[in-house]
Amino acid sequence: MTRVWLGISLSMRYLIAGIVLLIGLAGAEQVTTHDFFRITQTVSRSATTPGAWRYTISPRTAEARRYWNVIVDSWRRTLTIGLGVKLGAFEVVSTEKGLHFLPYCQQVHPGCFTKPPLGGDLQGWKLELVLLDLHNNLDAALADAKKHAKPYPATVTLSRFLRLTVHRDGRIEAARSGWKP
């Protein structure tokens, strides 16, 4: 006789629990956030760089755009005055020779980001979710770009802020995207 609880048999409950566990383990490295950002992938068809991969990370929703505008404005000012911007696992540092993209936090958490001052109806806890989602998308785009950086470098662009060129030897060069100091 099969025991039934809330209309679900015991064997079905074990199956559901197993699926939930596998899904949880599959995404163990990703920090749980909402889908604030999207990655758009394109492959170049130009004669000079055929097959070069390009990734663009941009806000997905109107709410994410409101947070992103505040974040980008603050980060641009921070780089302009010569300070570094923390992007989770990485830091962008401004020098006389340009921008440098350096490793920063090994275990990403909300304290690994340069947080802008918030105004209006923007909330700090939601800003942390937006920043963690940005990190997840940047991490995914960089991992894929490293795989596709042959024979031409791949580029990862953070909308209106930063362009990263990923070379086949693993080097990553940073440059401003869509603004000047």
N, C-alpha and C. Protein backbone atom coordinates (compact mmCIF):
# COMPACT_ATOMS: atom_id res chain seq x y z
N MET A 1 0.83 -1.18 0.00
CA MET A 1 0.00 0.00 0.00
C MET A 1 0.88 1.24 0.00
N THR A 2 0.63 2.18 -0.88
CA THR A 2 1.40 3.40 -1.01
C THR A 2 0.82 4.47 -0.11
N ARG A 3 1.70 5.09 0.67
CA ARG A 3 1.26 6.18 1.55
C ARG A 3 1.13 7.45 0.72
N VAL A 4 0.10 8.20 0.98
CA VAL A 4 -0.15 9.42 0.22
C VAL A 4 -0.24 10.60 1.18
N TRP A 5 0.47 11.66 0.86
CA TRP A 5 0.46 12.89 1.66
C TRP A 5 0.20 14.05 0.73
N LEU A 6 -0.82 14.80 0.97
CA LEU A 6 -1.22 15.92 0.12
C LEU A 6 -1.36 15.51 -1.34
N GLY A 7 -1.81 14.31 -1.55
CA GLY A 7 -2.04 13.85 -2.92
C GLY A 7 -0.78 13.39 -3.63
N ILE A 8 0.37 13.32 -2.92
CA ILE A 8 1.63 12.92 -3.55
C ILE A 8 2.12 11.66 -2.85
N SER A 9 2.40 10.63 -3.61
CA SER A 9 2.87 9.38 -3.04
C SER A 9 4.29 9.55 -2.51
N LEU A 10 4.70 8.63 -1.64
CA LEU A 10 6.01 8.68 -1.03
C LEU A 10 7.12 8.63 -2.07
N SER A 11 6.99 7.77 -3.06
CA SER A 11 8.03 7.66 -4.09
C SER A 11 8.12 8.95 -4.91
N MET A 12 6.98 9.58 -5.16
CA MET A 12 6.98 10.84 -5.92
C MET A 12 7.66 11.94 -5.09
N ARG A 13 7.45 11.94 -3.77
CA ARG A 13 8.10 12.94 -2.93
C ARG A 13 9.61 12.78 -2.97
N TYR A 14 10.10 11.53 -2.95
CA TYR A 14 11.54 11.30 -3.05
C TYR A 14 12.09 11.77 -4.39
N LEU A 15 11.34 11.55 -5.44
CA LEU A 15 11.75 11.99 -6.76
C LEU A 15 11.84 13.52 -6.81
N ILE A 16 10.83 14.18 -6.28
CA ILE A 16 10.83 15.65 -6.26
C ILE A 16 11.99 16.17 -5.41
N ALA A 17 12.22 15.56 -4.25
CA ALA A 17 13.32 15.98 -3.38
C ALA A 17 14.66 15.79 -4.09
N GLY A 18 14.83 14.69 -4.82
CA GLY A 18 16.06 14.45 -5.57
C GLY A 18 16.29 15.47 -6.66
N ILE A 19 15.24 15.83 -7.37
CA ILE A 19 15.36 16.84 -8.43
C ILE A 19 15.74 18.19 -7.84
N VAL A 20 15.09 18.57 -6.75
CA VAL A 20 15.40 19.84 -6.10
C VAL A 20 16.85 19.85 -5.62
N LEU A 21 17.33 18.74 -5.07
CA LEU A 21 18.71 18.64 -4.61
C LEU A 21 19.68 18.78 -5.78
N LEU A 22 19.42 18.09 -6.88
CA LEU A 22 20.29 18.19 -8.06
C LEU A 22 20.33 19.59 -8.62
N ILE A 23 19.18 20.24 -8.68
CA ILE A 23 19.15 21.62 -9.17
C ILE A 23 19.97 22.52 -8.26
N GLY A 24 19.84 22.31 -6.96
CA GLY A 24 20.61 23.10 -5.99
C GLY A 24 22.10 22.87 -6.12
N LEU A 25 22.52 21.63 -6.34
CA LEU A 25 23.94 21.34 -6.48
C LEU A 25 24.50 21.84 -7.80
N ALA A 26 23.71 21.83 -8.84
CA ALA A 26 24.18 22.27 -10.16
C ALA A 26 24.54 23.74 -10.15
N GLY A 27 23.83 24.52 -9.39
CA GLY A 27 24.10 25.96 -9.34
C GLY A 27 24.77 26.37 -8.05
N ALA A 28 25.56 25.50 -7.44
CA ALA A 28 26.13 25.77 -6.13
C ALA A 28 27.05 26.98 -6.13
N GLU A 29 27.76 27.25 -7.22
CA GLU A 29 28.67 28.37 -7.23
C GLU A 29 27.97 29.70 -7.49
N GLN A 30 26.83 29.68 -8.10
CA GLN A 30 26.11 30.91 -8.40
C GLN A 30 25.39 31.41 -7.15
N VAL A 31 25.42 32.71 -6.94
CA VAL A 31 24.70 33.31 -5.84
C VAL A 31 23.27 33.52 -6.33
N THR A 32 22.29 33.15 -5.53
CA THR A 32 20.90 33.26 -5.95
C THR A 32 20.48 34.72 -6.02
N THR A 33 20.04 35.13 -7.17
CA THR A 33 19.56 36.50 -7.37
C THR A 33 18.39 36.44 -8.34
N HIS A 34 17.90 37.58 -8.68
CA HIS A 34 16.85 37.68 -9.68
C HIS A 34 17.48 37.94 -11.04
N ASP A 35 16.70 37.89 -12.08
CA ASP A 35 17.21 38.12 -13.43
C ASP A 35 17.18 39.61 -13.76
N PHE A 36 18.09 40.36 -13.15
CA PHE A 36 18.16 41.80 -13.41
C PHE A 36 18.91 42.09 -14.70
N PHE A 37 19.88 41.23 -15.06
CA PHE A 37 20.72 41.46 -16.23
C PHE A 37 20.57 40.34 -17.24
N ARG A 38 20.96 40.64 -18.49
CA ARG A 38 20.98 39.63 -19.54
C ARG A 38 22.32 39.72 -20.26
N ILE A 39 22.70 38.60 -20.84
CA ILE A 39 23.92 38.56 -21.66
C ILE A 39 23.47 38.36 -23.10
N THR A 40 23.94 39.25 -23.97
CA THR A 40 23.67 39.11 -25.40
C THR A 40 24.98 38.68 -26.05
N GLN A 41 24.93 37.56 -26.79
CA GLN A 41 26.12 37.05 -27.47
C GLN A 41 25.99 37.30 -28.97
N THR A 42 27.08 37.76 -29.58
CA THR A 42 27.11 37.89 -31.03
C THR A 42 28.46 37.38 -31.52
N VAL A 43 28.48 36.96 -32.77
CA VAL A 43 29.72 36.52 -33.40
C VAL A 43 29.96 37.41 -34.61
N SER A 44 31.16 37.95 -34.68
CA SER A 44 31.51 38.88 -35.76
C SER A 44 31.50 38.18 -37.12
N ARG A 45 30.98 38.88 -38.11
CA ARG A 45 31.02 38.40 -39.49
C ARG A 45 31.85 39.34 -40.37
N SER A 46 32.57 40.27 -39.71
CA SER A 46 33.37 41.22 -40.49
C SER A 46 34.57 40.52 -41.12
N ALA A 47 35.10 41.12 -42.15
CA ALA A 47 36.23 40.53 -42.87
C ALA A 47 37.51 40.56 -42.03
N THR A 48 37.65 41.55 -41.15
CA THR A 48 38.88 41.68 -40.37
C THR A 48 38.94 40.74 -39.17
N THR A 49 37.79 40.44 -38.54
CA THR A 49 37.78 39.56 -37.37
C THR A 49 36.63 38.56 -37.45
N PRO A 50 36.63 37.69 -38.47
CA PRO A 50 35.52 36.74 -38.58
C PRO A 50 35.53 35.74 -37.42
N GLY A 51 34.41 35.56 -36.79
CA GLY A 51 34.30 34.59 -35.71
C GLY A 51 34.64 35.12 -34.33
N ALA A 52 34.95 36.41 -34.20
CA ALA A 52 35.24 36.97 -32.89
C ALA A 52 33.95 37.07 -32.08
N TRP A 53 33.99 36.62 -30.83
CA TRP A 53 32.81 36.61 -29.98
C TRP A 53 32.71 37.91 -29.19
N ARG A 54 31.47 38.39 -29.07
CA ARG A 54 31.19 39.61 -28.29
C ARG A 54 30.04 39.32 -27.33
N TYR A 55 30.20 39.79 -26.11
CA TYR A 55 29.18 39.61 -25.08
C TYR A 55 28.83 40.98 -24.52
N THR A 56 27.56 41.26 -24.38
CA THR A 56 27.12 42.52 -23.79
C THR A 56 26.22 42.20 -22.61
N ILE A 57 26.55 42.76 -21.46
CA ILE A 57 25.74 42.59 -20.26
C ILE A 57 24.98 43.90 -20.05
N SER A 58 23.67 43.80 -20.01
CA SER A 58 22.83 45.00 -19.87
C SER A 58 21.63 44.69 -18.98
N PRO A 59 21.04 45.75 -18.40
CA PRO A 59 19.87 45.54 -17.55
C PRO A 59 18.70 44.97 -18.35
N ARG A 60 17.96 44.07 -17.72
CA ARG A 60 16.85 43.39 -18.38
C ARG A 60 15.52 44.12 -18.18
N THR A 61 15.30 44.73 -17.02
CA THR A 61 14.01 45.32 -16.69
C THR A 61 14.15 46.82 -16.44
N ALA A 62 13.02 47.50 -16.39
CA ALA A 62 13.02 48.94 -16.09
C ALA A 62 13.59 49.20 -14.69
N GLU A 63 13.24 48.34 -13.75
CA GLU A 63 13.76 48.49 -12.39
C GLU A 63 15.28 48.32 -12.38
N ALA A 64 15.78 47.33 -13.08
CA ALA A 64 17.22 47.10 -13.15
C ALA A 64 17.92 48.29 -13.81
N ARG A 65 17.30 48.89 -14.83
CA ARG A 65 17.88 50.08 -15.49
C ARG A 65 18.00 51.25 -14.52
N ARG A 66 16.99 51.43 -13.65
CA ARG A 66 17.06 52.52 -12.67
C ARG A 66 18.25 52.32 -11.74
N TYR A 67 18.44 51.10 -11.24
CA TYR A 67 19.59 50.81 -10.38
C TYR A 67 20.90 50.94 -11.17
N TRP A 68 20.92 50.41 -12.39
CA TRP A 68 22.14 50.43 -13.21
C TRP A 68 22.57 51.87 -13.50
N ASN A 69 21.63 52.77 -13.79
CA ASN A 69 21.98 54.17 -14.05
C ASN A 69 22.67 54.79 -12.85
N VAL A 70 22.15 54.54 -11.66
CA VAL A 70 22.77 55.06 -10.43
C VAL A 70 24.15 54.46 -10.23
N ILE A 71 24.26 53.14 -10.44
CA ILE A 71 25.54 52.44 -10.27
C ILE A 71 26.58 52.98 -11.24
N VAL A 72 26.24 53.04 -12.52
CA VAL A 72 27.19 53.48 -13.54
C VAL A 72 27.65 54.91 -13.30
N ASP A 73 26.72 55.81 -12.99
CA ASP A 73 27.11 57.20 -12.73
C ASP A 73 28.11 57.28 -11.57
N SER A 74 27.85 56.54 -10.52
CA SER A 74 28.74 56.55 -9.36
C SER A 74 30.09 55.93 -9.70
N TRP A 75 30.09 54.79 -10.39
CA TRP A 75 31.35 54.13 -10.73
C TRP A 75 32.19 54.96 -11.69
N ARG A 76 31.56 55.65 -12.61
CA ARG A 76 32.31 56.53 -13.52
C ARG A 76 33.02 57.63 -12.73
N ARG A 77 32.28 58.26 -11.80
CA ARG A 77 32.88 59.31 -10.96
C ARG A 77 34.03 58.74 -10.14
N THR A 78 33.85 57.54 -9.61
CA THR A 78 34.88 56.91 -8.79
C THR A 78 36.15 56.68 -9.59
N LEU A 79 36.03 56.17 -10.81
CA LEU A 79 37.22 55.96 -11.65
C LEU A 79 37.84 57.27 -12.09
N THR A 80 37.02 58.27 -12.34
CA THR A 80 37.52 59.57 -12.80
C THR A 80 38.41 60.22 -11.74
N ILE A 81 38.08 60.05 -10.47
CA ILE A 81 38.91 60.65 -9.41
C ILE A 81 40.08 59.76 -9.01
N GLY A 82 40.23 58.61 -9.68
CA GLY A 82 41.40 57.77 -9.46
C GLY A 82 41.23 56.64 -8.46
N LEU A 83 40.02 56.37 -8.04
CA LEU A 83 39.80 55.27 -7.11
C LEU A 83 39.40 54.02 -7.88
N GLY A 84 39.46 52.88 -7.22
CA GLY A 84 39.08 51.61 -7.85
C GLY A 84 37.60 51.32 -7.66
N VAL A 85 37.07 50.52 -8.57
CA VAL A 85 35.67 50.07 -8.49
C VAL A 85 35.68 48.56 -8.29
N LYS A 86 35.02 48.12 -7.24
CA LYS A 86 34.95 46.70 -6.92
C LYS A 86 33.72 46.10 -7.58
N LEU A 87 33.95 45.03 -8.37
CA LEU A 87 32.88 44.37 -9.12
C LEU A 87 32.68 42.93 -8.66
N GLY A 88 32.78 42.67 -7.38
CA GLY A 88 32.64 41.30 -6.90
C GLY A 88 33.98 40.60 -6.91
N ALA A 89 34.16 39.67 -7.84
CA ALA A 89 35.40 38.91 -7.92
C ALA A 89 36.54 39.71 -8.56
N PHE A 90 36.23 40.90 -9.06
CA PHE A 90 37.23 41.71 -9.75
C PHE A 90 37.19 43.16 -9.28
N GLU A 91 38.28 43.86 -9.56
CA GLU A 91 38.35 45.29 -9.28
C GLU A 91 38.91 45.98 -10.50
N VAL A 92 38.33 47.12 -10.85
CA VAL A 92 38.84 47.94 -11.94
C VAL A 92 39.55 49.14 -11.31
N VAL A 93 40.82 49.32 -11.67
CA VAL A 93 41.62 50.39 -11.11
C VAL A 93 42.04 51.33 -12.23
N SER A 94 41.91 52.62 -11.99
CA SER A 94 42.29 53.63 -12.97
C SER A 94 43.72 54.08 -12.70
N THR A 95 44.55 54.05 -13.76
CA THR A 95 45.93 54.54 -13.65
C THR A 95 46.16 55.53 -14.78
N GLU A 96 47.36 56.11 -14.81
CA GLU A 96 47.70 57.05 -15.89
C GLU A 96 47.69 56.36 -17.25
N LYS A 97 47.97 55.06 -17.27
CA LYS A 97 48.03 54.30 -18.53
C LYS A 97 46.69 53.70 -18.93
N GLY A 98 45.66 53.91 -18.14
CA GLY A 98 44.35 53.37 -18.46
C GLY A 98 43.77 52.57 -17.32
N LEU A 99 42.87 51.67 -17.64
CA LEU A 99 42.20 50.85 -16.63
C LEU A 99 42.86 49.48 -16.52
N HIS A 100 42.90 48.96 -15.31
CA HIS A 100 43.42 47.62 -15.06
C HIS A 100 42.33 46.79 -14.41
N PHE A 101 42.20 45.55 -14.85
CA PHE A 101 41.18 44.62 -14.38
C PHE A 101 41.89 43.59 -13.52
N LEU A 102 41.65 43.60 -12.21
CA LEU A 102 42.40 42.77 -11.28
C LEU A 102 41.48 41.85 -10.49
N PRO A 103 41.99 40.70 -10.03
CA PRO A 103 41.18 39.85 -9.14
C PRO A 103 40.95 40.56 -7.81
N TYR A 104 39.81 40.29 -7.18
CA TYR A 104 39.52 40.96 -5.92
C TYR A 104 38.99 39.98 -4.87
N CYS A 105 37.73 39.63 -4.88
CA CYS A 105 37.11 38.76 -3.86
C CYS A 105 37.04 37.31 -4.37
N GLN A 106 37.55 36.37 -3.58
CA GLN A 106 37.43 34.97 -3.98
C GLN A 106 36.04 34.44 -3.67
N GLN A 107 35.50 34.78 -2.52
CA GLN A 107 34.14 34.39 -2.14
C GLN A 107 33.27 35.64 -2.24
N VAL A 108 32.51 35.75 -3.31
CA VAL A 108 31.75 36.98 -3.57
C VAL A 108 30.56 37.09 -2.61
N HIS A 109 30.44 38.27 -2.02
CA HIS A 109 29.33 38.62 -1.14
C HIS A 109 29.07 40.12 -1.31
N PRO A 110 28.00 40.65 -0.76
CA PRO A 110 27.67 42.06 -1.00
C PRO A 110 28.76 43.06 -0.62
N GLY A 111 29.65 42.70 0.30
CA GLY A 111 30.74 43.59 0.68
C GLY A 111 31.84 43.70 -0.37
N CYS A 112 31.78 42.92 -1.43
CA CYS A 112 32.81 42.90 -2.48
C CYS A 112 32.51 43.90 -3.60
N PHE A 113 31.61 44.83 -3.39
CA PHE A 113 31.21 45.77 -4.44
C PHE A 113 31.36 47.20 -3.95
N THR A 114 31.66 48.09 -4.88
CA THR A 114 31.61 49.52 -4.60
C THR A 114 30.15 49.91 -4.74
N LYS A 115 29.54 50.30 -3.63
CA LYS A 115 28.11 50.62 -3.64
C LYS A 115 27.90 52.12 -3.76
N PRO A 116 27.01 52.51 -4.66
CA PRO A 116 26.72 53.94 -4.82
C PRO A 116 25.75 54.42 -3.74
N PRO A 117 25.75 55.73 -3.49
CA PRO A 117 24.71 56.27 -2.60
C PRO A 117 23.36 56.18 -3.30
N LEU A 118 22.35 55.76 -2.57
CA LEU A 118 21.02 55.59 -3.16
C LEU A 118 20.12 56.75 -2.75
N GLY A 119 19.23 57.08 -3.63
CA GLY A 119 18.25 58.11 -3.34
C GLY A 119 16.89 57.65 -3.81
N GLY A 120 15.88 58.44 -3.51
CA GLY A 120 14.54 58.12 -3.98
C GLY A 120 14.02 56.83 -3.40
N ASP A 121 13.39 56.03 -4.22
CA ASP A 121 12.78 54.79 -3.76
C ASP A 121 13.67 53.56 -3.96
N LEU A 122 14.94 53.75 -4.27
CA LEU A 122 15.86 52.63 -4.44
C LEU A 122 16.25 52.08 -3.07
N GLN A 123 16.27 50.76 -2.96
CA GLN A 123 16.50 50.12 -1.67
C GLN A 123 17.84 49.40 -1.64
N GLY A 124 18.53 49.48 -0.50
CA GLY A 124 19.85 48.88 -0.35
C GLY A 124 19.87 47.38 -0.53
N TRP A 125 18.88 46.68 0.02
CA TRP A 125 18.87 45.21 -0.09
C TRP A 125 18.68 44.78 -1.54
N LYS A 126 17.91 45.57 -2.31
CA LYS A 126 17.70 45.22 -3.71
C LYS A 126 18.95 45.57 -4.53
N LEU A 127 19.65 46.64 -4.15
CA LEU A 127 20.91 46.98 -4.80
C LEU A 127 21.88 45.81 -4.68
N GLU A 128 21.93 45.18 -3.52
CA GLU A 128 22.82 44.03 -3.34
C GLU A 128 22.45 42.89 -4.28
N LEU A 129 21.16 42.65 -4.47
CA LEU A 129 20.73 41.62 -5.42
C LEU A 129 21.15 41.97 -6.85
N VAL A 130 21.00 43.25 -7.20
CA VAL A 130 21.38 43.70 -8.54
C VAL A 130 22.88 43.49 -8.75
N LEU A 131 23.68 43.87 -7.77
CA LEU A 131 25.13 43.71 -7.89
C LEU A 131 25.55 42.25 -7.95
N LEU A 132 24.91 41.40 -7.16
CA LEU A 132 25.22 39.96 -7.21
C LEU A 132 24.83 39.36 -8.56
N ASP A 133 23.71 39.81 -9.11
CA ASP A 133 23.31 39.32 -10.43
C ASP A 133 24.28 39.81 -11.50
N LEU A 134 24.76 41.05 -11.36
CA LEU A 134 25.78 41.57 -12.28
C LEU A 134 27.02 40.69 -12.21
N HIS A 135 27.46 40.35 -11.01
CA HIS A 135 28.63 39.48 -10.85
C HIS A 135 28.41 38.13 -11.54
N ASN A 136 27.24 37.51 -11.31
CA ASN A 136 26.96 36.21 -11.92
C ASN A 136 27.03 36.27 -13.44
N ASN A 137 26.46 37.33 -14.02
CA ASN A 137 26.49 37.47 -15.48
C ASN A 137 27.89 37.78 -15.99
N LEU A 138 28.62 38.63 -15.29
CA LEU A 138 30.00 38.94 -15.69
C LEU A 138 30.86 37.68 -15.61
N ASP A 139 30.71 36.92 -14.56
CA ASP A 139 31.47 35.68 -14.40
C ASP A 139 31.16 34.70 -15.53
N ALA A 140 29.87 34.54 -15.86
CA ALA A 140 29.48 33.63 -16.94
C ALA A 140 30.00 34.10 -18.30
N ALA A 141 29.90 35.40 -18.56
CA ALA A 141 30.36 35.94 -19.84
C ALA A 141 31.88 35.80 -19.98
N LEU A 142 32.62 36.07 -18.90
CA LEU A 142 34.08 35.94 -18.96
C LEU A 142 34.50 34.48 -19.15
N ALA A 143 33.83 33.55 -18.49
CA ALA A 143 34.15 32.13 -18.65
C ALA A 143 33.93 31.69 -20.09
N ASP A 144 32.82 32.12 -20.69
CA ASP A 144 32.54 31.76 -22.08
C ASP A 144 33.50 32.47 -23.03
N ALA A 145 33.83 33.72 -22.73
CA ALA A 145 34.75 34.48 -23.58
C ALA A 145 36.14 33.83 -23.60
N LYS A 146 36.57 33.30 -22.46
CA LYS A 146 37.88 32.63 -22.40
C LYS A 146 37.91 31.40 -23.30
N LYS A 147 36.78 30.71 -23.41
CA LYS A 147 36.70 29.54 -24.29
C LYS A 147 36.73 29.92 -25.76
N HIS A 148 36.17 31.10 -26.10
CA HIS A 148 36.01 31.51 -27.49
C HIS A 148 37.01 32.59 -27.93
N ALA A 149 38.07 32.81 -27.17
CA ALA A 149 39.03 33.87 -27.50
C ALA A 149 40.08 33.40 -28.50
N LYS A 150 39.71 32.52 -29.39
CA LYS A 150 40.63 32.01 -30.41
C LYS A 150 39.91 32.03 -31.75
N PRO A 151 40.48 32.45 -32.81
CA PRO A 151 41.80 33.06 -32.98
C PRO A 151 41.81 34.55 -32.65
N TYR A 152 40.63 35.15 -32.51
CA TYR A 152 40.55 36.58 -32.20
C TYR A 152 40.10 36.78 -30.76
N PRO A 153 40.54 37.87 -30.12
CA PRO A 153 40.09 38.14 -28.76
C PRO A 153 38.57 38.28 -28.69
N ALA A 154 38.00 37.87 -27.57
CA ALA A 154 36.56 38.06 -27.31
C ALA A 154 36.40 39.32 -26.47
N THR A 155 35.27 39.98 -26.60
CA THR A 155 35.02 41.17 -25.79
C THR A 155 33.77 40.99 -24.95
N VAL A 156 33.85 41.50 -23.72
CA VAL A 156 32.72 41.51 -22.80
C VAL A 156 32.48 42.97 -22.44
N THR A 157 31.28 43.45 -22.70
CA THR A 157 30.95 44.85 -22.43
C THR A 157 29.89 44.95 -21.35
N LEU A 158 30.18 45.76 -20.32
CA LEU A 158 29.17 46.13 -19.34
C LEU A 158 28.57 47.43 -19.87
N SER A 159 27.32 47.39 -20.21
CA SER A 159 26.63 48.49 -20.88
C SER A 159 26.97 49.85 -20.28
N ARG A 160 27.45 50.75 -21.14
CA ARG A 160 27.76 52.14 -20.80
C ARG A 160 28.83 52.32 -19.73
N PHE A 161 29.64 51.28 -19.48
CA PHE A 161 30.64 51.41 -18.43
C PHE A 161 32.01 50.86 -18.80
N LEU A 162 32.09 49.60 -19.18
CA LEU A 162 33.38 48.94 -19.28
C LEU A 162 33.39 47.93 -20.41
N ARG A 163 34.51 47.88 -21.15
CA ARG A 163 34.71 46.86 -22.19
C ARG A 163 35.95 46.07 -21.82
N LEU A 164 35.81 44.76 -21.74
CA LEU A 164 36.91 43.87 -21.41
C LEU A 164 37.27 43.06 -22.64
N THR A 165 38.54 43.08 -22.99
CA THR A 165 39.03 42.29 -24.11
C THR A 165 39.75 41.07 -23.54
N VAL A 166 39.25 39.89 -23.87
CA VAL A 166 39.82 38.64 -23.36
C VAL A 166 40.67 38.02 -24.46
N HIS A 167 41.97 37.89 -24.19
CA HIS A 167 42.91 37.34 -25.17
C HIS A 167 43.04 35.83 -24.99
N ARG A 168 43.56 35.18 -26.03
CA ARG A 168 43.68 33.72 -26.00
C ARG A 168 44.60 33.22 -24.89
N ASP A 169 45.56 34.05 -24.46
CA ASP A 169 46.47 33.63 -23.38
C ASP A 169 45.88 33.91 -21.99
N GLY A 170 44.64 34.39 -21.93
CA GLY A 170 43.97 34.62 -20.66
C GLY A 170 44.05 36.05 -20.15
N ARG A 171 44.88 36.88 -20.79
CA ARG A 171 44.95 38.28 -20.37
C ARG A 171 43.61 38.97 -20.60
N ILE A 172 43.29 39.89 -19.71
CA ILE A 172 42.06 40.68 -19.87
C ILE A 172 42.44 42.16 -19.79
N GLU A 173 42.14 42.88 -20.86
CA GLU A 173 42.40 44.32 -20.90
C GLU A 173 41.08 45.05 -20.70
N ALA A 174 41.11 46.12 -19.91
CA ALA A 174 39.91 46.90 -19.62
C ALA A 174 39.99 48.26 -20.30
N ALA A 175 38.84 48.74 -20.75
CA ALA A 175 38.74 50.08 -21.35
C ALA A 175 37.35 50.63 -21.04
N ARG A 176 37.26 51.95 -21.06
CA ARG A 176 35.94 52.56 -20.87
C ARG A 176 35.04 52.24 -22.05
N SER A 177 33.76 52.17 -21.78
CA SER A 177 32.80 51.93 -22.85
C SER A 177 31.65 52.93 -22.74
N GLY A 178 31.55 53.83 -23.71
CA GLY A 178 30.45 54.77 -23.74
C GLY A 178 30.62 56.02 -22.90
N TRP A 179 31.84 56.30 -22.43
CA TRP A 179 32.06 57.53 -21.65
C TRP A 179 33.54 57.88 -21.63
N LYS A 180 33.81 59.14 -21.34
CA LYS A 180 35.17 59.64 -21.21
C LYS A 180 35.28 60.34 -19.86
N PRO A 181 36.47 60.32 -19.26
CA PRO A 181 36.63 60.98 -17.96
C PRO A 181 36.54 62.50 -18.07
